[in-house]
Amino acid sequence: MTSEADFFASDAGPIPVGWEASAVGAEFDVRLGKMLDAARNVGEPKPYLGNRSVQWGQIDVNDPGMVPLTRAEQLALRLRSGDLLVCEGGEVGRAAIWRDELPECYYQKALHRLRPRNGYSPELMAAYLRFWSDRGALADYVTQTSIAHLPREKLVTVPLPRPPAIEQRAITAALSDVDALLTKLDQLIAKKRDLKQAAMQQLLNGRTRLPGHSGQWRSTSIGAFADVIRGVAYRGDSDLYPYAHPSAVVLLRANNVRDASINLDEVQFVDEACVADVQLLRLNDILICMANGSRQLVGKAARLVKSPVERLTFGAFMGCLRVRRAEADVRFVAQLLQALRYRNYVANLLAGSSINNLRPGDVAAMEFDMPPLAEQQAIADALADMDTELAALEARREKTRQIKRGMMQALLTGRIRLV
């Protein structure tokens, strides 16, 4: 651990003795890419990358665009392995290193290309960009119009610590090890999700039967075992509160239903006078998005398994499926509403309509083949075990991400020295 006496002040903030204070433009040749202008661009069509192709730590080359380039532009703008691509607009500073993912590729003006001048590690530069982005440290260099931009003339002035080359390699190696672990966890989570999806398709359709279950499945409508309740109608801002209020009830909307779970990070509050008793959510109620500007979001559903607040309700564009527990297992029904057949039902109902809207009667009329209650419970148990395994992996991934953030804070400021 470095002591305070081992630091000196610089434009890049306090940095340890043995490091140098530099700037992005001193360490990298910074160049914007090709302006896209169909009326003016001439030359030979070549593949190029745009802003959306560059994500944190990775570059998507699945669908590159094509742009005409002159011979001079090809010489100036062709990417080389080790070039660091940095987003000039949108999520300013988002960056990834080009590793010759394509035999030949170029880039457009929405991206900066950073090419090392004096041996500065592009991996370390990418780490600083992520570190600065997480802390909002680039805000003073951003030009804000309708969309945030990081102009070249400002990017080159951003102060940049320069550790010795051996320490640059040590820092990037340590961070790379954590990135490799995160990548493995992401791959494992994706594999487990695929396995669960396959299991859902088999179990929820009766194609695969669990041991000990052979009873006849029967076709039934959702309305036969559940009530479908429409959400609270309120009169605009006059019935809403910006914060918790003695006469307010937490109001959930479409943004609170994420990945088959209910998220309470961002909520509104509605006057309790607008809320009928039947519209107060209970544990195991299933929230459904009934209307949305995005057709893809209509029908998304999640079960309320716990709540840190006593009173919850849901907005007029939402619905609640309240399962009668003697007639169906609510966990089975919640899984059924994640299955492909349900999504196809919703898509067919919306087809040909100019309004992305489900009615309670639409949901109640949906028909599914349902197994006996005991088999519903067994299927729900099997899928719940998969969900528990996924949740444990996701928690491990999040803990690893937190560890990486702590490592970046320590290593990129020189608070901990590796050499």
Protein backbone atom coordinates (compact mmCIF):
# COMPACT_ATOMS: atom_id res chain seq x y z
CA MET A 1 0.00 0.00 0.00
CA THR A 2 1.40 3.41 -0.99
CA SER A 3 1.42 6.10 1.70
CA GLU A 4 0.23 9.69 1.15
CA ALA A 5 3.85 10.90 1.27
CA ASP A 6 4.60 8.84 -1.83
CA PHE A 7 2.19 10.88 -4.02
CA PHE A 8 2.54 14.17 -5.83
CA ALA A 9 -0.11 16.49 -7.29
CA SER A 10 -0.66 16.52 -11.07
CA ASP A 11 -3.32 17.44 -13.61
CA ALA A 12 -4.28 13.76 -13.51
CA GLY A 13 -4.82 13.99 -9.75
CA PRO A 14 -2.50 12.64 -7.05
CA ILE A 15 -0.22 10.02 -8.60
CA PRO A 16 2.58 8.02 -6.97
CA VAL A 17 6.24 8.90 -7.23
CA GLY A 18 7.65 6.90 -10.12
CA TRP A 19 4.69 7.61 -12.38
CA GLU A 20 4.54 10.47 -14.86
CA ALA A 21 1.74 12.94 -15.57
CA SER A 22 0.82 12.90 -19.23
CA ALA A 23 -2.23 13.46 -21.47
CA VAL A 24 -4.18 11.31 -23.91
CA GLY A 25 -2.88 13.28 -26.91
CA ALA A 26 0.73 12.89 -25.78
CA GLU A 27 0.44 9.10 -25.58
CA PHE A 28 -1.89 8.37 -28.50
CA ASP A 29 -2.46 9.49 -32.05
CA VAL A 30 -6.17 10.34 -31.93
CA ARG A 31 -8.16 10.37 -35.15
CA LEU A 32 -11.88 10.46 -35.94
CA GLY A 33 -13.20 8.17 -38.65
CA LYS A 34 -15.01 8.66 -41.94
CA MET A 35 -17.96 11.02 -42.22
CA LEU A 36 -20.86 9.12 -43.80
CA ASP A 37 -22.29 11.13 -46.68
CA ALA A 38 -23.84 9.11 -49.50
CA ALA A 39 -23.90 12.15 -51.81
CA ARG A 40 -20.18 12.89 -51.44
CA ASN A 41 -18.41 9.67 -50.57
CA VAL A 42 -16.56 8.11 -53.48
CA GLY A 43 -14.18 5.21 -53.94
CA GLU A 44 -14.16 1.50 -53.28
CA PRO A 45 -16.82 0.10 -50.88
CA LYS A 46 -15.22 -1.08 -47.66
CA PRO A 47 -16.55 -2.49 -44.35
CA TYR A 48 -16.70 -0.03 -41.47
CA LEU A 49 -17.66 0.05 -37.78
CA GLY A 50 -20.01 2.53 -36.13
CA ASN A 51 -20.67 3.57 -32.56
CA ARG A 52 -23.04 0.69 -31.82
CA SER A 53 -20.44 -1.88 -32.82
CA VAL A 54 -18.16 -0.83 -29.95
CA GLN A 55 -19.21 -2.13 -26.54
CA TRP A 56 -17.18 -2.17 -23.34
CA GLY A 57 -14.31 -4.54 -23.98
CA GLN A 58 -15.69 -6.09 -27.17
CA ILE A 59 -16.44 -5.23 -30.78
CA ASP A 60 -19.44 -6.61 -32.67
CA VAL A 61 -18.46 -7.32 -36.28
CA ASN A 62 -21.52 -9.38 -37.22
CA ASP A 63 -23.11 -6.68 -39.36
CA PRO A 64 -20.58 -4.06 -40.49
CA GLY A 65 -21.74 -1.32 -42.84
CA MET A 66 -20.15 -0.49 -46.19
CA VAL A 67 -18.80 2.93 -47.17
CA PRO A 68 -16.96 4.11 -50.32
CA LEU A 69 -13.36 5.09 -49.51
CA THR A 70 -10.67 6.64 -51.65
CA ARG A 71 -7.16 5.15 -51.66
CA ALA A 72 -5.94 7.92 -49.36
CA GLU A 73 -8.80 7.29 -46.92
CA GLN A 74 -8.06 3.58 -46.91
CA LEU A 75 -4.44 4.26 -45.95
CA ALA A 76 -5.45 6.68 -43.21
CA LEU A 77 -8.45 4.88 -41.70
CA ARG A 78 -7.66 1.16 -41.91
CA LEU A 79 -7.70 -0.43 -38.48
CA ARG A 80 -4.66 -2.23 -37.09
CA SER A 81 -4.54 -4.78 -34.31
CA GLY A 82 -4.14 -2.93 -31.01
CA ASP A 83 -6.04 0.19 -32.09
CA LEU A 84 -8.35 1.43 -29.35
CA LEU A 85 -11.79 2.51 -30.59
CA VAL A 86 -13.57 5.05 -28.37
CA CYS A 87 -17.15 6.27 -28.74
CA GLU A 88 -17.28 9.98 -29.52
CA GLY A 89 -21.02 10.26 -28.84
CA GLY A 90 -23.78 8.43 -26.99
CA GLU A 91 -22.12 6.65 -24.07
CA VAL A 92 -19.04 8.82 -24.31
CA GLY A 93 -15.78 6.97 -23.73
CA ARG A 94 -17.09 3.44 -24.27
CA ALA A 95 -14.11 1.60 -25.68
CA ALA A 96 -12.74 -1.66 -27.01
CA ILE A 97 -9.51 -2.80 -28.67
CA TRP A 98 -9.46 -3.94 -32.30
CA ARG A 99 -7.98 -7.46 -32.59
CA ASP A 100 -8.24 -8.02 -36.35
CA GLU A 101 -11.71 -9.53 -36.03
CA LEU A 102 -12.06 -8.91 -39.79
CA PRO A 103 -9.27 -9.12 -42.40
CA GLU A 104 -9.93 -5.50 -43.37
CA CYS A 105 -12.02 -2.86 -41.63
CA TYR A 106 -12.41 0.92 -41.21
CA TYR A 107 -14.40 3.17 -38.87
CA GLN A 108 -16.78 6.11 -39.06
CA LYS A 109 -16.70 9.57 -37.52
CA ALA A 110 -18.71 8.49 -34.46
CA LEU A 111 -15.52 6.79 -33.22
CA HIS A 112 -12.08 7.96 -32.16
CA ARG A 113 -9.17 5.69 -33.04
CA LEU A 114 -6.40 5.83 -30.46
CA ARG A 115 -3.05 4.44 -31.66
CA PRO A 116 -0.16 4.38 -29.14
CA ARG A 117 2.72 6.80 -29.85
CA ASN A 118 5.26 5.80 -27.22
CA GLY A 119 4.35 2.28 -26.19
CA TYR A 120 1.48 3.19 -23.84
CA SER A 121 -0.66 0.11 -23.24
CA PRO A 122 -4.03 0.33 -25.06
CA GLU A 123 -5.39 -2.14 -22.49
CA LEU A 124 -4.47 0.29 -19.71
CA MET A 125 -5.99 3.19 -21.64
CA ALA A 126 -9.21 1.19 -22.04
CA ALA A 127 -9.21 0.52 -18.28
CA TYR A 128 -8.83 4.24 -17.53
CA LEU A 129 -11.72 5.07 -19.88
CA ARG A 130 -13.98 2.61 -18.04
CA PHE A 131 -12.77 3.93 -14.69
CA TRP A 132 -13.42 7.54 -15.72
CA SER A 133 -16.82 6.67 -17.20
CA ASP A 134 -17.98 4.96 -14.00
CA ARG A 135 -16.94 8.01 -11.97
CA GLY A 136 -18.32 10.63 -14.40
CA ALA A 137 -14.80 12.03 -14.78
CA LEU A 138 -15.22 12.83 -18.49
CA ALA A 139 -18.16 15.19 -17.93
CA ASP A 140 -15.97 18.33 -18.06
CA TYR A 141 -14.70 17.34 -21.51
CA VAL A 142 -18.08 16.56 -23.07
CA THR A 143 -19.90 18.94 -25.40
CA GLN A 144 -23.59 18.62 -24.58
CA THR A 145 -26.09 19.41 -27.33
CA SER A 146 -29.02 17.06 -27.95
CA ILE A 147 -26.51 14.18 -27.66
CA ALA A 148 -23.32 14.17 -25.60
CA HIS A 149 -20.10 14.34 -27.64
CA LEU A 150 -16.42 14.09 -26.78
CA PRO A 151 -14.61 16.16 -29.44
CA ARG A 152 -11.08 15.22 -30.44
CA GLU A 153 -9.68 18.58 -29.33
CA LYS A 154 -10.93 17.89 -25.80
CA LEU A 155 -10.10 14.20 -25.67
CA VAL A 156 -6.43 14.85 -26.40
CA THR A 157 -6.22 17.18 -23.38
CA VAL A 158 -7.56 14.69 -20.83
CA PRO A 159 -4.85 14.17 -18.19
CA LEU A 160 -3.51 10.63 -18.11
CA PRO A 161 -1.19 8.97 -15.56
CA ARG A 162 1.73 7.10 -17.09
CA PRO A 163 3.04 4.24 -14.96
CA PRO A 164 6.34 2.64 -15.99
CA ALA A 165 5.98 0.06 -18.77
CA ILE A 166 6.56 -2.90 -16.44
CA GLU A 167 3.85 -1.64 -14.10
CA GLN A 168 1.46 -1.03 -17.00
CA ARG A 169 1.83 -4.68 -17.93
CA ALA A 170 1.30 -5.82 -14.34
CA ILE A 171 -1.86 -3.72 -13.92
CA THR A 172 -3.41 -4.88 -17.19
CA ALA A 173 -2.53 -8.51 -16.45
CA ALA A 174 -4.30 -8.33 -13.07
CA LEU A 175 -7.40 -6.72 -14.57
CA SER A 176 -7.31 -9.16 -17.49
CA ASP A 177 -7.46 -12.11 -15.08
CA VAL A 178 -10.66 -10.73 -13.55
CA ASP A 179 -12.09 -10.04 -17.01
CA ALA A 180 -11.39 -13.65 -17.99
CA LEU A 181 -13.29 -14.86 -14.92
CA LEU A 182 -16.21 -12.55 -15.76
CA THR A 183 -16.24 -13.87 -19.33
CA LYS A 184 -16.38 -17.47 -18.08
CA LEU A 185 -19.21 -16.58 -15.72
CA ASP A 186 -21.12 -14.85 -18.52
CA GLN A 187 -20.70 -17.91 -20.73
CA LEU A 188 -21.80 -20.26 -17.95
CA ILE A 189 -24.85 -18.10 -17.20
CA ALA A 190 -25.78 -18.03 -20.90
CA LYS A 191 -25.45 -21.82 -21.07
CA LYS A 192 -27.59 -22.33 -17.97
CA ARG A 193 -30.25 -19.99 -19.38
CA ASP A 194 -30.31 -21.94 -22.63
CA LEU A 195 -30.66 -25.20 -20.68
CA LYS A 196 -33.53 -23.76 -18.68
CA GLN A 197 -35.23 -22.51 -21.83
CA ALA A 198 -34.95 -25.98 -23.34
CA ALA A 199 -36.31 -27.55 -20.15
CA MET A 200 -39.25 -25.13 -20.18
CA GLN A 201 -40.11 -26.04 -23.76
CA GLN A 202 -40.08 -29.74 -22.88
CA LEU A 203 -41.76 -29.65 -19.47
CA LEU A 204 -44.37 -26.95 -20.06
CA ASN A 205 -45.59 -28.62 -23.25
CA GLY A 206 -45.69 -32.12 -21.81
CA ARG A 207 -43.09 -33.42 -24.24
CA THR A 208 -41.01 -34.63 -21.30
CA ARG A 209 -42.73 -36.01 -18.20
CA LEU A 210 -41.09 -36.04 -14.80
CA PRO A 211 -40.74 -39.43 -13.06
CA GLY A 212 -43.90 -40.54 -11.33
CA HIS A 213 -46.28 -38.36 -13.38
CA SER A 214 -48.47 -39.74 -16.15
CA GLY A 215 -51.89 -38.15 -15.68
CA GLN A 216 -53.82 -36.67 -18.60
CA TRP A 217 -53.25 -32.99 -19.41
CA ARG A 218 -56.34 -30.96 -20.18
CA SER A 219 -56.91 -27.77 -22.15
CA THR A 220 -58.12 -24.87 -20.04
CA SER A 221 -58.24 -21.08 -20.23
CA ILE A 222 -56.38 -18.77 -17.89
CA GLY A 223 -59.71 -17.37 -16.74
CA ALA A 224 -60.67 -20.81 -15.43
CA PHE A 225 -58.03 -20.67 -12.71
CA ALA A 226 -57.15 -16.97 -12.31
CA ASP A 227 -58.66 -13.50 -12.18
CA VAL A 228 -57.23 -10.81 -14.48
CA ILE A 229 -57.35 -7.35 -12.89
CA ARG A 230 -56.69 -4.06 -14.71
CA GLY A 231 -54.45 -1.45 -13.11
CA VAL A 232 -55.13 1.89 -11.46
CA ALA A 233 -56.42 4.80 -13.55
CA TYR A 234 -55.27 8.16 -12.20
CA ARG A 235 -55.62 11.76 -13.33
CA GLY A 236 -52.12 12.67 -14.33
CA ASP A 237 -49.75 14.44 -11.97
CA SER A 238 -52.51 15.56 -9.59
CA ASP A 239 -52.82 12.00 -8.27
CA LEU A 240 -49.08 11.25 -8.21
CA TYR A 241 -46.48 12.01 -5.56
CA PRO A 242 -42.74 12.31 -6.28
CA TYR A 243 -41.92 10.57 -2.99
CA ALA A 244 -43.44 8.33 -0.33
CA HIS A 245 -46.40 10.10 1.29
CA PRO A 246 -48.74 9.03 4.12
CA SER A 247 -51.65 8.76 1.67
CA ALA A 248 -49.59 7.26 -1.19
CA VAL A 249 -49.29 3.72 -2.53
CA VAL A 250 -46.24 2.51 -4.47
CA LEU A 251 -47.19 2.38 -8.16
CA LEU A 252 -45.52 -0.16 -10.46
CA ARG A 253 -45.28 0.22 -14.24
CA ALA A 254 -43.80 -1.65 -17.19
CA ASN A 255 -40.22 -0.61 -16.33
CA ASN A 256 -40.55 -2.45 -13.00
CA VAL A 257 -40.93 -5.82 -14.76
CA ARG A 258 -37.47 -6.99 -15.81
CA ASP A 259 -36.20 -10.44 -16.74
CA ALA A 260 -39.22 -12.21 -15.25
CA SER A 261 -38.74 -10.42 -11.91
CA ILE A 262 -40.12 -7.28 -10.29
CA ASN A 263 -37.63 -4.49 -9.65
CA LEU A 264 -38.44 -1.67 -7.21
CA ASP A 265 -35.44 0.58 -7.87
CA GLU A 266 -37.54 3.25 -9.63
CA VAL A 267 -41.17 3.64 -8.60
CA GLN A 268 -43.89 6.26 -8.51
CA PHE A 269 -46.45 6.94 -5.80
CA VAL A 270 -50.19 7.30 -6.36
CA ASP A 271 -52.88 8.65 -4.05
CA GLU A 272 -54.57 5.81 -2.18
CA ALA A 273 -58.00 7.24 -3.11
CA CYS A 274 -57.37 6.02 -6.69
CA VAL A 275 -56.69 2.44 -5.62
CA ALA A 276 -59.41 -0.17 -5.11
CA ASP A 277 -58.76 -2.93 -2.59
CA VAL A 278 -58.61 -5.52 -5.39
CA GLN A 279 -55.80 -3.49 -7.01
CA LEU A 280 -53.49 -3.81 -3.99
CA LEU A 281 -50.91 -6.43 -4.91
CA ARG A 282 -50.51 -9.61 -2.91
CA LEU A 283 -47.57 -11.97 -2.78
CA ASN A 284 -47.63 -14.37 -5.75
CA ASP A 285 -49.65 -12.00 -7.94
CA ILE A 286 -48.31 -11.99 -11.50
CA LEU A 287 -47.85 -8.56 -13.08
CA ILE A 288 -48.42 -8.31 -16.84
CA CYS A 289 -47.63 -5.37 -19.12
CA MET A 290 -50.96 -4.84 -20.93
CA ALA A 291 -50.08 -1.83 -23.10
CA ASN A 292 -46.84 -0.22 -24.25
CA GLY A 293 -45.43 1.79 -27.12
CA SER A 294 -43.08 -1.12 -27.78
CA ARG A 295 -44.92 -4.21 -29.01
CA GLN A 296 -42.09 -6.40 -27.73
CA LEU A 297 -42.83 -5.36 -24.14
CA VAL A 298 -46.56 -6.08 -24.22
CA GLY A 299 -47.27 -9.30 -22.35
CA LYS A 300 -44.06 -9.44 -20.32
CA ALA A 301 -44.82 -10.88 -16.92
CA ALA A 302 -43.29 -11.44 -13.48
CA ARG A 303 -44.43 -12.91 -10.16
CA LEU A 304 -44.26 -10.87 -6.96
CA VAL A 305 -42.29 -13.14 -4.63
CA LYS A 306 -41.37 -10.57 -1.98
CA SER A 307 -41.85 -6.89 -1.26
CA PRO A 308 -39.95 -4.49 1.03
CA VAL A 309 -43.02 -2.22 1.20
CA GLU A 310 -46.47 -2.97 2.57
CA ARG A 311 -48.68 -1.50 -0.14
CA LEU A 312 -48.08 -1.93 -3.86
CA THR A 313 -50.36 -1.32 -6.80
CA PHE A 314 -49.94 -1.12 -10.57
CA GLY A 315 -50.73 1.40 -13.29
CA ALA A 316 -53.50 1.40 -15.89
CA PHE A 317 -51.21 -0.03 -18.59
CA MET A 318 -50.55 -3.06 -16.39
CA GLY A 319 -52.60 -6.06 -15.37
CA CYS A 320 -52.50 -8.50 -12.48
CA LEU A 321 -53.06 -12.24 -12.80
CA ARG A 322 -54.30 -13.56 -9.46
CA VAL A 323 -54.22 -17.36 -9.45
CA ARG A 324 -56.73 -19.30 -7.41
CA ARG A 325 -54.27 -21.57 -5.64
CA ALA A 326 -56.63 -24.55 -5.22
CA GLU A 327 -56.92 -24.81 -9.01
CA ALA A 328 -53.36 -24.12 -10.23
CA ASP A 329 -49.79 -23.73 -8.94
CA VAL A 330 -48.90 -20.06 -9.28
CA ARG A 331 -45.22 -20.87 -9.84
CA PHE A 332 -46.14 -23.11 -12.78
CA VAL A 333 -48.36 -20.39 -14.23
CA ALA A 334 -45.58 -17.79 -13.87
CA GLN A 335 -43.21 -20.07 -15.80
CA LEU A 336 -45.93 -20.66 -18.41
CA LEU A 337 -46.00 -16.89 -19.05
CA GLN A 338 -42.30 -16.97 -19.97
CA ALA A 339 -42.73 -19.75 -22.52
CA LEU A 340 -42.69 -19.36 -26.30
CA ARG A 341 -46.30 -20.45 -26.71
CA TYR A 342 -47.53 -17.59 -24.50
CA ARG A 343 -45.37 -15.08 -26.39
CA ASN A 344 -46.87 -16.39 -29.65
CA TYR A 345 -50.37 -15.92 -28.21
CA VAL A 346 -49.59 -12.28 -27.45
CA ALA A 347 -48.00 -11.68 -30.85
CA ASN A 348 -51.06 -13.12 -32.62
CA LEU A 349 -53.44 -10.98 -30.59
CA LEU A 350 -51.52 -7.82 -31.46
CA ALA A 351 -51.06 -8.70 -35.14
CA GLY A 352 -52.94 -6.33 -37.41
CA SER A 353 -53.75 -3.93 -34.57
CA SER A 354 -52.54 -0.33 -34.58
CA ILE A 355 -52.66 -0.31 -30.75
CA ASN A 356 -50.26 -2.38 -28.64
CA ASN A 357 -52.86 -3.28 -26.07
CA LEU A 358 -54.08 -6.42 -24.30
CA ARG A 359 -57.43 -6.47 -22.56
CA PRO A 360 -58.11 -8.52 -19.41
CA GLY A 361 -60.50 -10.66 -21.47
CA ASP A 362 -57.73 -11.39 -23.98
CA VAL A 363 -55.51 -12.81 -21.25
CA ALA A 364 -58.34 -14.70 -19.55
CA ALA A 365 -59.27 -16.38 -22.86
CA MET A 366 -55.78 -17.76 -23.57
CA GLU A 367 -55.87 -21.57 -23.51
CA PHE A 368 -53.11 -23.94 -22.46
CA ASP A 369 -52.76 -27.64 -21.83
CA MET A 370 -52.36 -28.00 -18.06
CA PRO A 371 -51.14 -31.07 -16.15
CA PRO A 372 -52.69 -32.21 -12.86
CA LEU A 373 -51.85 -29.98 -9.89
CA ALA A 374 -49.25 -32.39 -8.46
CA GLU A 375 -47.34 -32.39 -11.77
CA GLN A 376 -47.58 -28.59 -11.97
CA GLN A 377 -45.91 -28.43 -8.56
CA ALA A 378 -43.19 -30.90 -9.58
CA ILE A 379 -42.42 -28.96 -12.78
CA ALA A 380 -42.35 -25.70 -10.83
CA ASP A 381 -39.91 -27.25 -8.33
CA ALA A 382 -37.59 -28.43 -11.13
CA LEU A 383 -37.56 -25.03 -12.85
CA ALA A 384 -37.15 -23.26 -9.48
CA ASP A 385 -33.99 -25.30 -8.85
CA MET A 386 -32.61 -24.02 -12.17
CA ASP A 387 -33.57 -20.45 -11.23
CA THR A 388 -31.78 -20.82 -7.89
CA GLU A 389 -28.61 -22.01 -9.66
CA LEU A 390 -28.82 -19.09 -12.10
CA ALA A 391 -29.34 -16.60 -9.27
CA ALA A 392 -26.26 -17.93 -7.47
CA LEU A 393 -24.15 -17.54 -10.63
CA GLU A 394 -25.47 -14.03 -11.22
CA ALA A 395 -24.69 -13.08 -7.62
CA ARG A 396 -21.16 -14.45 -8.07
CA ARG A 397 -20.77 -12.43 -11.27
CA GLU A 398 -21.93 -9.25 -9.54
CA LYS A 399 -19.53 -9.86 -6.63
CA THR A 400 -16.70 -10.35 -9.14
CA ARG A 401 -17.64 -7.08 -10.84
CA GLN A 402 -17.49 -5.30 -7.50
CA ILE A 403 -14.07 -6.81 -6.86
CA LYS A 404 -12.89 -5.52 -10.25
CA ARG A 405 -14.17 -2.02 -9.46
CA GLY A 406 -12.21 -2.07 -6.22
CA MET A 407 -9.10 -3.29 -8.04
CA MET A 408 -9.41 -0.51 -10.63
CA GLN A 409 -9.75 2.10 -7.90
CA ALA A 410 -6.61 0.81 -6.19
CA LEU A 411 -4.43 0.02 -9.19
CA LEU A 412 -5.28 2.89 -11.53
CA THR A 413 -4.65 5.50 -8.83
CA GLY A 414 -1.43 3.84 -7.67
CA ARG A 415 -2.79 3.24 -4.16
CA ILE A 416 -1.61 -0.33 -4.56
CA ARG A 417 1.60 -0.98 -6.52
CA LEU A 418 2.24 -4.33 -8.14
CA VAL A 419 5.96 -3.78 -8.79
